[in-house]
Amino acid sequence: MTDDRALDAGLPLTGAEATKRSLAGRAIIAVAAAAVTALAAAGVGFGRRSLTPLERVILGAAAFALMLPGLATDGFGMLALVVIVSRK
């Protein structure tokens, strides 16, 4: 007996399931890009301006948090990144 799911494995998704997976993929890419940005700024010591040692540590922690799975860690990482980058 064949498994029907195996037959549909190569077919493109349609409807709500396709939208759900597409949005999830975009969110993963956005979080990964934010993590790379935070890690690069922490390593180099420059974002939009020169960063203080404390800001570099915070950005390093934000990058690490963004690499961990979970909504809370992503929220902390994004918040820290936005706060540090938006400072003048």
Protein backbone atom coordinates (compact mmCIF):
# COMPACT_ATOMS: atom_id res chain seq x y z
CA MET A 1 0.00 0.00 0.00
CA THR A 2 1.32 3.46 -0.86
CA ASP A 3 1.30 6.50 1.35
CA ASP A 4 -0.63 9.40 -0.22
CA ARG A 5 1.66 11.94 1.45
CA ALA A 6 4.64 10.49 -0.42
CA LEU A 7 2.88 11.08 -3.71
CA ASP A 8 2.22 14.76 -2.91
CA ALA A 9 5.70 15.51 -1.57
CA GLY A 10 6.89 17.25 -4.74
CA LEU A 11 3.76 19.27 -5.47
CA PRO A 12 3.72 22.99 -4.65
CA LEU A 13 1.59 24.09 -1.72
CA THR A 14 -1.48 26.20 -2.30
CA GLY A 15 -3.75 28.31 -0.16
CA ALA A 16 -3.29 29.02 3.52
CA GLU A 17 -0.56 26.41 4.04
CA ALA A 18 1.61 27.99 1.33
CA THR A 19 1.12 31.45 2.83
CA LYS A 20 1.93 30.19 6.31
CA ARG A 21 5.16 28.51 5.17
CA SER A 22 6.15 31.49 3.04
CA LEU A 23 5.76 33.92 5.95
CA ALA A 24 7.66 31.59 8.28
CA GLY A 25 10.51 31.37 5.80
CA ARG A 26 10.65 35.14 5.44
CA ALA A 27 10.71 35.56 9.22
CA ILE A 28 13.61 33.13 9.52
CA ILE A 29 15.56 35.04 6.88
CA ALA A 30 14.86 38.38 8.60
CA VAL A 31 16.01 37.08 11.99
CA ALA A 32 19.13 35.54 10.45
CA ALA A 33 19.98 38.83 8.71
CA ALA A 34 19.51 40.72 11.98
CA ALA A 35 21.77 38.23 13.79
CA VAL A 36 24.52 38.61 11.19
CA THR A 37 24.21 42.41 11.32
CA ALA A 38 24.42 42.47 15.12
CA LEU A 39 27.37 40.08 15.17
CA ALA A 40 29.25 42.06 12.53
CA ALA A 41 28.66 45.37 14.31
CA ALA A 42 29.75 43.86 17.63
CA GLY A 43 32.90 42.42 16.08
CA VAL A 44 33.91 45.48 14.10
CA GLY A 45 32.80 48.06 16.65
CA PHE A 46 31.02 50.24 14.17
CA GLY A 47 27.38 50.48 13.11
CA ARG A 48 26.08 53.85 12.06
CA ARG A 49 28.77 55.30 14.34
CA SER A 50 31.57 54.04 16.58
CA LEU A 51 30.24 51.78 19.30
CA THR A 52 31.22 51.82 22.95
CA PRO A 53 32.48 48.59 24.54
CA LEU A 54 29.16 48.17 26.39
CA GLU A 55 27.19 48.53 23.15
CA ARG A 56 29.42 45.94 21.51
CA VAL A 57 28.75 43.48 24.34
CA ILE A 58 25.00 44.14 24.11
CA LEU A 59 25.06 43.59 20.34
CA GLY A 60 27.02 40.37 20.83
CA ALA A 61 24.40 39.16 23.28
CA ALA A 62 21.65 40.23 20.87
CA ALA A 63 23.31 38.28 18.03
CA PHE A 64 23.59 35.19 20.24
CA ALA A 65 19.95 35.55 21.34
CA LEU A 66 18.80 35.83 17.72
CA MET A 67 20.59 32.57 16.92
CA LEU A 68 18.68 30.70 19.63
CA PRO A 69 15.22 29.37 18.77
CA GLY A 70 12.27 31.04 20.44
CA LEU A 71 10.11 34.10 20.26
CA ALA A 72 11.38 35.59 23.53
CA THR A 73 15.02 35.42 22.48
CA ASP A 74 14.19 36.84 19.06
CA GLY A 75 12.29 39.67 20.72
CA PHE A 76 15.20 40.51 23.01
CA GLY A 77 17.69 40.36 20.16
CA MET A 78 15.63 42.56 17.84
CA LEU A 79 14.88 45.05 20.61
CA ALA A 80 18.54 45.34 21.59
CA LEU A 81 19.59 45.72 17.96
CA VAL A 82 17.01 48.44 17.28
CA VAL A 83 17.86 50.36 20.45
CA ILE A 84 21.62 50.34 19.80
CA VAL A 85 21.32 51.13 16.09
CA SER A 86 18.80 53.94 16.60
CA ARG A 87 20.98 55.78 19.17
CA LYS A 88 22.79 58.82 17.89
